Structure formats: C-alpha cells, structure tokens
Amino acid sequence: MGRQIEAAAAGEIPLDSLKRVTVGEREICIAHTATDEWFAIDDVCSHEWSSLSDGLLRGDTVECPQHSSRFSLRTGEPALPPAEEPVATFPVTVENGVVYVTIDEP
C-alpha cells in the first residue's frame, strides 16, 4: 500500500518547471506543467541514468538532458528513443500549498 509523503512546497515549483526531490529513499522528478497539472516520475532516465529533472519539460513529457529521450509524465513510457524502458510514475496531490507524492514502501 502506498504512503503519501510531503515532497515540496508548491510555491517552489512554478508553472512549466521540474524539480528533483527525495521522497523516502527515492529521487523523484516533480513536474508542474504549463497547464497546471502535477506529475511525479523516477528522476533517473532508464537509458543512461541521467537526472530527468535536469531535462526539459515539453507539455506532458520530460526530455532527458543526455540523449533527448522523452518520457510520458502520465505513464512513464518512453515517447521518444533511444530509451526503451519506462520509468516509474507516482500519484501526486497538492493540498494547502504542499505537494505530496504517494510511493509504495516495502
């Protein structure tokens, strides 16, 4: 069962931006899209292990800074090669100015 964990203050992540946070023991990339949607995915690209939060937010995808792979923020699936493996996604809620990410814990 997942546990909701406080990840960041919403004000720290403006519209159309990415932020790397540590949630539990995981590095997570939080995305706040230009359309005011919130997403959370594993921060590490499945192709070459680069930080996705250092990449570019493009609509509802994030582009890896190393080889330009793109991942769907909704599903974690690669939307553009060279990446072939998906990254994990996590539910996000924003309440009272706080961003919460739900992760499964062992």
PDB file of N, CA and C in Angstrom:
ATOM      1  N   MET A   1       0.847  -1.195   0.000  1.00  0.00           N
ATOM      2  CA  MET A   1       0.000   0.000   0.000  1.00  0.00           C
ATOM      3  C   MET A   1       0.879   1.241   0.000  1.00  0.00           C
ATOM      4  N   GLY A   2       0.505   2.230  -0.764  1.00  0.00           N
ATOM      5  CA  GLY A   2       1.293   3.445  -0.880  1.00  0.00           C
ATOM      6  C   GLY A   2       1.101   4.371   0.300  1.00  0.00           C
ATOM      7  N   ARG A   3       2.117   5.156   0.531  1.00  0.00           N
ATOM      8  CA  ARG A   3       2.074   6.146   1.597  1.00  0.00           C
ATOM      9  C   ARG A   3       2.305   7.523   1.000  1.00  0.00           C
ATOM     10  N   GLN A   4       1.476   8.475   1.382  1.00  0.00           N
ATOM     11  CA  GLN A   4       1.589   9.842   0.890  1.00  0.00           C
ATOM     12  C   GLN A   4       2.660  10.566   1.702  1.00  0.00           C
ATOM     13  N   ILE A   5       3.660  11.120   0.994  1.00  0.00           N
ATOM     14  CA  ILE A   5       4.787  11.765   1.653  1.00  0.00           C
ATOM     15  C   ILE A   5       4.911  13.200   1.148  1.00  0.00           C
ATOM     16  N   GLU A   6       5.138  14.130   2.066  1.00  0.00           N
ATOM     17  CA  GLU A   6       5.354  15.518   1.688  1.00  0.00           C
ATOM     18  C   GLU A   6       6.643  15.617   0.886  1.00  0.00           C
ATOM     19  N   ALA A   7       6.549  16.229  -0.307  1.00  0.00           N
ATOM     20  CA  ALA A   7       7.707  16.293  -1.190  1.00  0.00           C
ATOM     21  C   ALA A   7       8.279  17.692  -1.341  1.00  0.00           C
ATOM     22  N   ALA A   8       7.422  18.714  -1.366  1.00  0.00           N
ATOM     23  CA  ALA A   8       7.892  20.083  -1.598  1.00  0.00           C
ATOM     24  C   ALA A   8       6.754  21.057  -1.345  1.00  0.00           C
ATOM     25  N   ALA A   9       7.121  22.306  -1.203  1.00  0.00           N
ATOM     26  CA  ALA A   9       6.121  23.372  -1.178  1.00  0.00           C
ATOM     27  C   ALA A   9       5.756  23.674  -2.631  1.00  0.00           C
ATOM     28  N   ALA A  10       4.472  23.801  -2.910  1.00  0.00           N
ATOM     29  CA  ALA A  10       4.023  24.052  -4.283  1.00  0.00           C
ATOM     30  C   ALA A  10       4.653  25.322  -4.851  1.00  0.00           C
ATOM     31  N   GLY A  11       4.873  26.323  -4.023  1.00  0.00           N
ATOM     32  CA  GLY A  11       5.463  27.579  -4.470  1.00  0.00           C
ATOM     33  C   GLY A  11       6.901  27.446  -4.952  1.00  0.00           C
ATOM     34  N   GLU A  12       7.570  26.335  -4.611  1.00  0.00           N
ATOM     35  CA  GLU A  12       8.946  26.098  -5.052  1.00  0.00           C
ATOM     36  C   GLU A  12       9.017  25.598  -6.496  1.00  0.00           C
ATOM     37  N   ILE A  13       7.846  25.240  -7.059  1.00  0.00           N
ATOM     38  CA  ILE A  13       7.824  24.636  -8.392  1.00  0.00           C
ATOM     39  C   ILE A  13       6.850  25.430  -9.263  1.00  0.00           C
ATOM     40  N   PRO A  14       7.347  26.465  -9.938  1.00  0.00           N
ATOM     41  CA  PRO A  14       6.460  27.294 -10.758  1.00  0.00           C
ATOM     42  C   PRO A  14       5.867  26.514 -11.931  1.00  0.00           C
ATOM     43  N   LEU A  15       4.865  27.097 -12.558  1.00  0.00           N
ATOM     44  CA  LEU A  15       4.306  26.510 -13.772  1.00  0.00           C
ATOM     45  C   LEU A  15       5.420  26.250 -14.773  1.00  0.00           C
ATOM     46  N   ASP A  16       5.289  25.139 -15.520  1.00  0.00           N
ATOM     47  CA  ASP A  16       6.201  24.774 -16.595  1.00  0.00           C
ATOM     48  C   ASP A  16       7.632  24.566 -16.088  1.00  0.00           C
ATOM     49  N   SER A  17       7.757  23.822 -14.966  1.00  0.00           N
ATOM     50  CA  SER A  17       9.092  23.560 -14.436  1.00  0.00           C
ATOM     51  C   SER A  17       9.184  22.165 -13.817  1.00  0.00           C
ATOM     52  N   LEU A  18      10.427  21.757 -13.576  1.00  0.00           N
ATOM     53  CA  LEU A  18      10.752  20.462 -12.979  1.00  0.00           C
ATOM     54  C   LEU A  18      11.554  20.696 -11.711  1.00  0.00           C
ATOM     55  N   LYS A  19      11.434  19.764 -10.762  1.00  0.00           N
ATOM     56  CA  LYS A  19      12.227  19.847  -9.537  1.00  0.00           C
ATOM     57  C   LYS A  19      12.554  18.447  -9.055  1.00  0.00           C
ATOM     58  N   ARG A  20      13.816  18.232  -8.706  1.00  0.00           N
ATOM     59  CA  ARG A  20      14.249  16.958  -8.121  1.00  0.00           C
ATOM     60  C   ARG A  20      14.050  17.027  -6.618  1.00  0.00           C
ATOM     61  N   VAL A  21      13.407  16.003  -6.066  1.00  0.00           N
ATOM     62  CA  VAL A  21      13.207  15.900  -4.623  1.00  0.00           C
ATOM     63  C   VAL A  21      13.513  14.470  -4.187  1.00  0.00           C
ATOM     64  N   THR A  22      13.792  14.314  -2.917  1.00  0.00           N
ATOM     65  CA  THR A  22      13.963  12.987  -2.344  1.00  0.00           C
ATOM     66  C   THR A  22      12.692  12.660  -1.579  1.00  0.00           C
ATOM     67  N   VAL A  23      12.068  11.554  -1.944  1.00  0.00           N
ATOM     68  CA  VAL A  23      10.839  11.096  -1.291  1.00  0.00           C
ATOM     69  C   VAL A  23      11.118   9.705  -0.760  1.00  0.00           C
ATOM     70  N   GLY A  24      11.125   9.573   0.548  1.00  0.00           N
ATOM     71  CA  GLY A  24      11.544   8.311   1.130  1.00  0.00           C
ATOM     72  C   GLY A  24      13.005   8.110   0.759  1.00  0.00           C
ATOM     73  N   GLU A  25      13.297   7.022   0.083  1.00  0.00           N
ATOM     74  CA  GLU A  25      14.662   6.755  -0.360  1.00  0.00           C
ATOM     75  C   GLU A  25      14.821   6.911  -1.875  1.00  0.00           C
ATOM     76  N   ARG A  26      13.836   7.522  -2.520  1.00  0.00           N
ATOM     77  CA  ARG A  26      13.859   7.651  -3.984  1.00  0.00           C
ATOM     78  C   ARG A  26      14.104   9.086  -4.405  1.00  0.00           C
ATOM     79  N   GLU A  27      14.823   9.233  -5.524  1.00  0.00           N
ATOM     80  CA  GLU A  27      14.958  10.532  -6.177  1.00  0.00           C
ATOM     81  C   GLU A  27      13.805  10.627  -7.175  1.00  0.00           C
ATOM     82  N   ILE A  28      13.001  11.670  -7.029  1.00  0.00           N
ATOM     83  CA  ILE A  28      11.790  11.857  -7.828  1.00  0.00           C
ATOM     84  C   ILE A  28      11.888  13.174  -8.583  1.00  0.00           C
ATOM     85  N   CYS A  29      11.379  13.177  -9.802  1.00  0.00           N
ATOM     86  CA  CYS A  29      11.244  14.398 -10.599  1.00  0.00           C
ATOM     87  C   CYS A  29       9.780  14.826 -10.528  1.00  0.00           C
ATOM     88  N   ILE A  30       9.540  15.989  -9.940  1.00  0.00           N
ATOM     89  CA  ILE A  30       8.183  16.537  -9.911  1.00  0.00           C
ATOM     90  C   ILE A  30       8.052  17.529 -11.056  1.00  0.00           C
ATOM     91  N   ALA A  31       6.982  17.395 -11.820  1.00  0.00           N
ATOM     92  CA  ALA A  31       6.710  18.280 -12.945  1.00  0.00           C
ATOM     93  C   ALA A  31       5.435  19.061 -12.678  1.00  0.00           C
ATOM     94  N   HIS A  32       5.501  20.362 -12.895  1.00  0.00           N
ATOM     95  CA  HIS A  32       4.338  21.244 -12.819  1.00  0.00           C
ATOM     96  C   HIS A  32       4.172  21.842 -14.211  1.00  0.00           C
ATOM     97  N   THR A  33       3.219  21.318 -14.964  1.00  0.00           N
ATOM     98  CA  THR A  33       3.095  21.681 -16.373  1.00  0.00           C
ATOM     99  C   THR A  33       2.524  23.088 -16.561  1.00  0.00           C
ATOM    100  N   ALA A  34       2.661  23.585 -17.770  1.00  0.00           N
ATOM    101  CA  ALA A  34       2.131  24.907 -18.122  1.00  0.00           C
ATOM    102  C   ALA A  34       0.616  24.957 -17.984  1.00  0.00           C
ATOM    103  N   THR A  35      -0.035  23.781 -18.012  1.00  0.00           N
ATOM    104  CA  THR A  35      -1.498  23.723 -17.856  1.00  0.00           C
ATOM    105  C   THR A  35      -1.903  23.447 -16.410  1.00  0.00           C
ATOM    106  N   ASP A  36      -0.959  23.615 -15.472  1.00  0.00           N
ATOM    107  CA  ASP A  36      -1.182  23.481 -14.027  1.00  0.00           C
ATOM    108  C   ASP A  36      -1.509  22.056 -13.588  1.00  0.00           C
ATOM    109  N   GLU A  37      -0.943  21.067 -14.308  1.00  0.00           N
ATOM    110  CA  GLU A  37      -1.051  19.680 -13.868  1.00  0.00           C
ATOM    111  C   GLU A  37       0.234  19.311 -13.142  1.00  0.00           C
ATOM    112  N   TRP A  38       0.120  18.376 -12.210  1.00  0.00           N
ATOM    113  CA  TRP A  38       1.262  17.923 -11.419  1.00  0.00           C
ATOM    114  C   TRP A  38       1.514  16.449 -11.687  1.00  0.00           C
ATOM    115  N   PHE A  39       2.806  16.092 -11.846  1.00  0.00           N
ATOM    116  CA  PHE A  39       3.197  14.707 -12.076  1.00  0.00           C
ATOM    117  C   PHE A  39       4.464  14.407 -11.280  1.00  0.00           C
ATOM    118  N   ALA A  40       4.684  13.125 -11.009  1.00  0.00           N
ATOM    119  CA  ALA A  40       5.928  12.691 -10.371  1.00  0.00           C
ATOM    120  C   ALA A  40       6.381  11.394 -11.042  1.00  0.00           C
ATOM    121  N   ILE A  41       7.661  11.357 -11.420  1.00  0.00           N
ATOM    122  CA  ILE A  41       8.257  10.170 -12.032  1.00  0.00           C
ATOM    123  C   ILE A  41       9.634   9.951 -11.413  1.00  0.00           C
ATOM    124  N   ASP A  42      10.169   8.736 -11.579  1.00  0.00           N
ATOM    125  CA  ASP A  42      11.545   8.498 -11.159  1.00  0.00           C
ATOM    126  C   ASP A  42      12.433   9.528 -11.833  1.00  0.00           C
ATOM    127  N   ASP A  43      13.421  10.037 -11.110  1.00  0.00           N
ATOM    128  CA  ASP A  43      14.272  11.087 -11.650  1.00  0.00           C
ATOM    129  C   ASP A  43      15.339  10.556 -12.597  1.00  0.00           C
ATOM    130  N   VAL A  44      15.544   9.258 -12.626  1.00  0.00           N
ATOM    131  CA  VAL A  44      16.654   8.696 -13.399  1.00  0.00           C
ATOM    132  C   VAL A  44      16.162   8.123 -14.724  1.00  0.00           C
ATOM    133  N   CYS A  45      16.759   8.591 -15.811  1.00  0.00           N
ATOM    134  CA  CYS A  45      16.439   8.086 -17.148  1.00  0.00           C
ATOM    135  C   CYS A  45      16.782   6.604 -17.230  1.00  0.00           C
ATOM    136  N   SER A  46      15.903   5.821 -17.822  1.00  0.00           N
ATOM    137  CA  SER A  46      16.129   4.379 -17.937  1.00  0.00           C
ATOM    138  C   SER A  46      17.152   4.028 -19.017  1.00  0.00           C
ATOM    139  N   HIS A  47      17.573   5.001 -19.795  1.00  0.00           N
ATOM    140  CA  HIS A  47      18.543   4.734 -20.871  1.00  0.00           C
ATOM    141  C   HIS A  47      19.988   4.922 -20.406  1.00  0.00           C
ATOM    142  N   GLU A  48      20.309   6.072 -19.854  1.00  0.00           N
ATOM    143  CA  GLU A  48      21.694   6.346 -19.466  1.00  0.00           C
ATOM    144  C   GLU A  48      21.809   6.921 -18.060  1.00  0.00           C
ATOM    145  N   TRP A  49      20.802   6.808 -17.276  1.00  0.00           N
ATOM    146  CA  TRP A  49      20.847   7.165 -15.855  1.00  0.00           C
ATOM    147  C   TRP A  49      21.128   8.639 -15.601  1.00  0.00           C
ATOM    148  N   SER A  50      20.661   9.505 -16.435  1.00  0.00           N
ATOM    149  CA  SER A  50      20.760  10.945 -16.213  1.00  0.00           C
ATOM    150  C   SER A  50      19.568  11.419 -15.398  1.00  0.00           C
ATOM    151  N   SER A  51      19.727  12.568 -14.766  1.00  0.00           N
ATOM    152  CA  SER A  51      18.644  13.155 -13.975  1.00  0.00           C
ATOM    153  C   SER A  51      17.617  13.808 -14.897  1.00  0.00           C
ATOM    154  N   LEU A  52      16.401  13.298 -14.883  1.00  0.00           N
ATOM    155  CA  LEU A  52      15.359  13.865 -15.734  1.00  0.00           C
ATOM    156  C   LEU A  52      14.967  15.273 -15.294  1.00  0.00           C
ATOM    157  N   SER A  53      15.126  15.585 -14.023  1.00  0.00           N
ATOM    158  CA  SER A  53      14.774  16.929 -13.561  1.00  0.00           C
ATOM    159  C   SER A  53      15.730  17.989 -14.116  1.00  0.00           C
ATOM    160  N   ASP A  54      16.871  17.559 -14.673  1.00  0.00           N
ATOM    161  CA  ASP A  54      17.775  18.486 -15.355  1.00  0.00           C
ATOM    162  C   ASP A  54      17.411  18.634 -16.831  1.00  0.00           C
ATOM    163  N   GLY A  55      16.373  17.929 -17.261  1.00  0.00           N
ATOM    164  CA  GLY A  55      15.953  17.952 -18.653  1.00  0.00           C
ATOM    165  C   GLY A  55      14.965  19.067 -18.945  1.00  0.00           C
ATOM    166  N   LEU A  56      14.208  18.870 -20.021  1.00  0.00           N
ATOM    167  CA  LEU A  56      13.241  19.873 -20.468  1.00  0.00           C
ATOM    168  C   LEU A  56      11.823  19.337 -20.334  1.00  0.00           C
ATOM    169  N   LEU A  57      10.944  20.166 -19.817  1.00  0.00           N
ATOM    170  CA  LEU A  57       9.523  19.840 -19.741  1.00  0.00           C
ATOM    171  C   LEU A  57       8.892  20.262 -21.054  1.00  0.00           C
ATOM    172  N   ARG A  58       8.268  19.305 -21.737  1.00  0.00           N
ATOM    173  CA  ARG A  58       7.639  19.570 -23.033  1.00  0.00           C
ATOM    174  C   ARG A  58       6.210  19.047 -22.981  1.00  0.00           C
ATOM    175  N   GLY A  59       5.283  19.918 -22.613  1.00  0.00           N
ATOM    176  CA  GLY A  59       3.882  19.503 -22.473  1.00  0.00           C
ATOM    177  C   GLY A  59       3.748  18.501 -21.351  1.00  0.00           C
ATOM    178  N   ASP A  60       3.292  17.283 -21.698  1.00  0.00           N
ATOM    179  CA  ASP A  60       3.171  16.242 -20.669  1.00  0.00           C
ATOM    180  C   ASP A  60       4.252  15.176 -20.831  1.00  0.00           C
ATOM    181  N   THR A  61       5.427  15.613 -21.351  1.00  0.00           N
ATOM    182  CA  THR A  61       6.597  14.742 -21.417  1.00  0.00           C
ATOM    183  C   THR A  61       7.799  15.479 -20.823  1.00  0.00           C
ATOM    184  N   VAL A  62       8.796  14.688 -20.427  1.00  0.00           N
ATOM    185  CA  VAL A  62      10.064  15.260 -19.981  1.00  0.00           C
ATOM    186  C   VAL A  62      11.157  14.689 -20.884  1.00  0.00           C
ATOM    187  N   GLU A  63      12.055  15.577 -21.329  1.00  0.00           N
ATOM    188  CA  GLU A  63      13.133  15.189 -22.221  1.00  0.00           C
ATOM    189  C   GLU A  63      14.430  15.067 -21.432  1.00  0.00           C
ATOM    190  N   CYS A  64      15.070  13.925 -21.540  1.00  0.00           N
ATOM    191  CA  CYS A  64      16.331  13.670 -20.853  1.00  0.00           C
ATOM    192  C   CYS A  64      17.420  14.604 -21.404  1.00  0.00           C
ATOM    193  N   PRO A  65      18.241  15.168 -20.524  1.00  0.00           N
ATOM    194  CA  PRO A  65      19.276  16.084 -20.997  1.00  0.00           C
ATOM    195  C   PRO A  65      20.438  15.398 -21.711  1.00  0.00           C
ATOM    196  N   GLN A  66      20.585  14.086 -21.556  1.00  0.00           N
ATOM    197  CA  GLN A  66      21.760  13.433 -22.131  1.00  0.00           C
ATOM    198  C   GLN A  66      21.579  13.023 -23.590  1.00  0.00           C
ATOM    199  N   HIS A  67      20.531  12.264 -23.893  1.00  0.00           N
ATOM    200  CA  HIS A  67      20.347  11.786 -25.275  1.00  0.00           C
ATOM    201  C   HIS A  67      18.970  12.120 -25.846  1.00  0.00           C
ATOM    202  N   SER A  68      18.239  13.006 -25.181  1.00  0.00           N
ATOM    203  CA  SER A  68      16.951  13.519 -25.674  1.00  0.00           C
ATOM    204  C   SER A  68      15.820  12.499 -25.701  1.00  0.00           C
ATOM    205  N   SER A  69      15.946  11.394 -24.960  1.00  0.00           N
ATOM    206  CA  SER A  69      14.786  10.512 -24.799  1.00  0.00           C
ATOM    207  C   SER A  69      13.682  11.317 -24.136  1.00  0.00           C
ATOM    208  N   ARG A  70      12.455  11.006 -24.480  1.00  0.00           N
ATOM    209  CA  ARG A  70      11.316  11.657 -23.817  1.00  0.00           C
ATOM    210  C   ARG A  70      10.461  10.599 -23.157  1.00  0.00           C
ATOM    211  N   PHE A  71       9.905  10.968 -21.994  1.00  0.00           N
ATOM    212  CA  PHE A  71       9.045  10.069 -21.229  1.00  0.00           C
ATOM    213  C   PHE A  71       7.716  10.745 -20.957  1.00  0.00           C
ATOM    214  N   SER A  72       6.642   9.971 -21.085  1.00  0.00           N
ATOM    215  CA  SER A  72       5.316  10.460 -20.739  1.00  0.00           C
ATOM    216  C   SER A  72       5.239  10.650 -19.229  1.00  0.00           C
ATOM    217  N   LEU A  73       4.820  11.821 -18.805  1.00  0.00           N
ATOM    218  CA  LEU A  73       4.634  12.060 -17.378  1.00  0.00           C
ATOM    219  C   LEU A  73       3.420  11.305 -16.852  1.00  0.00           C
ATOM    220  N   ARG A  74       2.494  10.972 -17.729  1.00  0.00           N
ATOM    221  CA  ARG A  74       1.276  10.262 -17.320  1.00  0.00           C
ATOM    222  C   ARG A  74       1.521   8.772 -17.094  1.00  0.00           C
ATOM    223  N   THR A  75       2.367   8.167 -17.937  1.00  0.00           N
ATOM    224  CA  THR A  75       2.531   6.711 -17.886  1.00  0.00           C
ATOM    225  C   THR A  75       3.956   6.252 -17.582  1.00  0.00           C
ATOM    226  N   GLY A  76       4.939   7.124 -17.780  1.00  0.00           N
ATOM    227  CA  GLY A  76       6.336   6.749 -17.629  1.00  0.00           C
ATOM    228  C   GLY A  76       6.915   6.077 -18.858  1.00  0.00           C
ATOM    229  N   GLU A  77       6.079   5.802 -19.848  1.00  0.00           N
ATOM    230  CA  GLU A  77       6.535   5.128 -21.067  1.00  0.00           C
ATOM    231  C   GLU A  77       7.412   6.059 -21.898  1.00  0.00           C
ATOM    232  N   PRO A  78       8.439   5.503 -22.568  1.00  0.00           N
ATOM    233  CA  PRO A  78       9.240   6.334 -23.453  1.00  0.00           C
ATOM    234  C   PRO A  78       8.400   6.808 -24.639  1.00  0.00           C
ATOM    235  N   ALA A  79       8.455   8.098 -24.896  1.00  0.00           N
ATOM    236  CA  ALA A  79       7.706   8.676 -26.011  1.00  0.00           C
ATOM    237  C   ALA A  79       8.617   8.969 -27.188  1.00  0.00           C
ATOM    238  N   LEU A  80       9.931   8.917 -26.951  1.00  0.00           N
ATOM    239  CA  LEU A  80      10.914   9.185 -27.997  1.00  0.00           C
ATOM    240  C   LEU A  80      12.193   8.444 -27.634  1.00  0.00           C
ATOM    241  N   PRO A  81      12.775   7.677 -28.583  1.00  0.00           N
ATOM    242  CA  PRO A  81      14.006   6.935 -28.296  1.00  0.00           C
ATOM    243  C   PRO A  81      15.174   7.898 -28.041  1.00  0.00           C
ATOM    244  N   PRO A  82      16.284   7.383 -27.531  1.00  0.00           N
ATOM    245  CA  PRO A  82      16.701   5.995 -27.535  1.00  0.00           C
ATOM    246  C   PRO A  82      16.201   5.153 -26.355  1.00  0.00           C
ATOM    247  N   ALA A  83      15.599   5.744 -25.341  1.00  0.00           N
ATOM    248  CA  ALA A  83      15.113   4.950 -24.205  1.00  0.00           C
ATOM    249  C   ALA A  83      14.047   3.968 -24.674  1.00  0.00           C
ATOM    250  N   GLU A  84      14.091   2.757 -24.134  1.00  0.00           N
ATOM    251  CA  GLU A  84      13.097   1.732 -24.451  1.00  0.00           C
ATOM    252  C   GLU A  84      12.329   1.263 -23.226  1.00  0.00           C
ATOM    253  N   GLU A  85      12.886   1.478 -22.039  1.00  0.00           N
ATOM    254  CA  GLU A  85      12.255   1.039 -20.794  1.00  0.00           C
ATOM    255  C   GLU A  85      11.536   2.211 -20.133  1.00  0.00           C
ATOM    256  N   PRO A  86      10.355   1.969 -19.560  1.00  0.00           N
ATOM    257  CA  PRO A  86       9.635   3.046 -18.871  1.00  0.00           C
ATOM    258  C   PRO A  86      10.298   3.387 -17.536  1.00  0.00           C
ATOM    259  N   VAL A  87       9.913   4.524 -16.996  1.00  0.00           N
ATOM    260  CA  VAL A  87      10.291   4.907 -15.640  1.00  0.00           C
ATOM    261  C   VAL A  87       9.017   4.876 -14.788  1.00  0.00           C
ATOM    262  N   ALA A  88       9.183   4.723 -13.492  1.00  0.00           N
ATOM    263  CA  ALA A  88       8.036   4.651 -12.589  1.00  0.00           C
ATOM    264  C   ALA A  88       7.365   6.013 -12.465  1.00  0.00           C
ATOM    265  N   THR A  89       6.043   5.984 -12.313  1.00  0.00           N
ATOM    266  CA  THR A  89       5.273   7.191 -12.050  1.00  0.00           C
ATOM    267  C   THR A  89       4.627   7.056 -10.675  1.00  0.00           C
ATOM    268  N   PHE A  90       4.277   8.195 -10.084  1.00  0.00           N
ATOM    269  CA  PHE A  90       3.719   8.211  -8.743  1.00  0.00           C
ATOM    270  C   PHE A  90       2.565   9.206  -8.677  1.00  0.00           C
ATOM    271  N   PRO A  91       1.501   8.873  -7.946  1.00  0.00           N
ATOM    272  CA  PRO A  91       0.399   9.818  -7.779  1.00  0.00           C
ATOM    273  C   PRO A  91       0.857  11.069  -7.023  1.00  0.00           C
ATOM    274  N   VAL A  92       0.322  12.215  -7.437  1.00  0.00           N
ATOM    275  CA  VAL A  92       0.643  13.497  -6.813  1.00  0.00           C
ATOM    276  C   VAL A  92      -0.653  14.170  -6.384  1.00  0.00           C
ATOM    277  N   THR A  93      -0.627  14.753  -5.208  1.00  0.00           N
ATOM    278  CA  THR A  93      -1.716  15.621  -4.767  1.00  0.00           C
ATOM    279  C   THR A  93      -1.106  16.908  -4.235  1.00  0.00           C
ATOM    280  N   VAL A  94      -1.846  17.993  -4.358  1.00  0.00           N
ATOM    281  CA  VAL A  94      -1.416  19.276  -3.817  1.00  0.00           C
ATOM    282  C   VAL A  94      -2.523  19.753  -2.897  1.00  0.00           C
ATOM    283  N   GLU A  95      -2.168  19.940  -1.639  1.00  0.00           N
ATOM    284  CA  GLU A  95      -3.136  20.387  -0.629  1.00  0.00           C
ATOM    285  C   GLU A  95      -2.509  21.480   0.218  1.00  0.00           C
ATOM    286  N   ASN A  96      -3.225  22.576   0.351  1.00  0.00           N
ATOM    287  CA  ASN A  96      -2.774  23.682   1.203  1.00  0.00           C
ATOM    288  C   ASN A  96      -1.344  24.106   0.889  1.00  0.00           C
ATOM    289  N   GLY A  97      -1.018  24.169  -0.392  1.00  0.00           N
ATOM    290  CA  GLY A  97       0.292  24.637  -0.813  1.00  0.00           C
ATOM    291  C   GLY A  97       1.426  23.638  -0.645  1.00  0.00           C
ATOM    292  N   VAL A  98       1.092  22.371  -0.391  1.00  0.00           N
ATOM    293  CA  VAL A  98       2.106  21.332  -0.221  1.00  0.00           C
ATOM    294  C   VAL A  98       1.895  20.245  -1.274  1.00  0.00           C
ATOM    295  N   VAL A  99       3.001  19.827  -1.911  1.00  0.00           N
ATOM    296  CA  VAL A  99       2.969  18.745  -2.893  1.00  0.00           C
ATOM    297  C   VAL A  99       3.268  17.440  -2.176  1.00  0.00           C
ATOM    298  N   TYR A 100       2.364  16.462  -2.340  1.00  0.00           N
ATOM    299  CA  TYR A 100       2.532  15.142  -1.751  1.00  0.00           C
ATOM    300  C   TYR A 100       2.676  14.120  -2.878  1.00  0.00           C
ATOM    301  N   VAL A 101       3.587  13.170  -2.688  1.00  0.00           N
ATOM    302  CA  VAL A 101       3.784  12.077  -3.628  1.00  0.00           C
ATOM    303  C   VAL A 101       3.491  10.782  -2.890  1.00  0.00           C
ATOM    304  N   THR A 102       2.761   9.888  -3.538  1.00  0.00           N
ATOM    305  CA  THR A 102       2.449   8.592  -2.945  1.00  0.00           C
ATOM    306  C   THR A 102       3.399   7.547  -3.520  1.00  0.00           C
ATOM    307  N   ILE A 103       4.150   6.901  -2.624  1.00  0.00           N
ATOM    308  CA  ILE A 103       5.080   5.857  -3.060  1.00  0.00           C
ATOM    309  C   ILE A 103       4.781   4.576  -2.300  1.00  0.00           C
ATOM    310  N   ASP A 104       5.089   3.448  -2.933  1.00  0.00           N
ATOM    311  CA  ASP A 104       4.985   2.166  -2.262  1.00  0.00           C
ATOM    312  C   ASP A 104       6.231   1.974  -1.428  1.00  0.00           C
ATOM    313  N   GLU A 105       6.034   1.515  -0.220  1.00  0.00           N
ATOM    314  CA  GLU A 105       7.167   1.244   0.656  1.00  0.00           C
ATOM    315  C   GLU A 105       7.177  -0.231   0.999  1.00  0.00           C
ATOM    316  N   PRO A 106       8.375  -0.785   1.126  1.00  0.00           N
ATOM    317  CA  PRO A 106       8.460  -2.221   1.459  1.00  0.00           C
ATOM    318  C   PRO A 106       7.919  -2.515   2.843  1.00  0.00           C
TER     319      PRO A 106
END
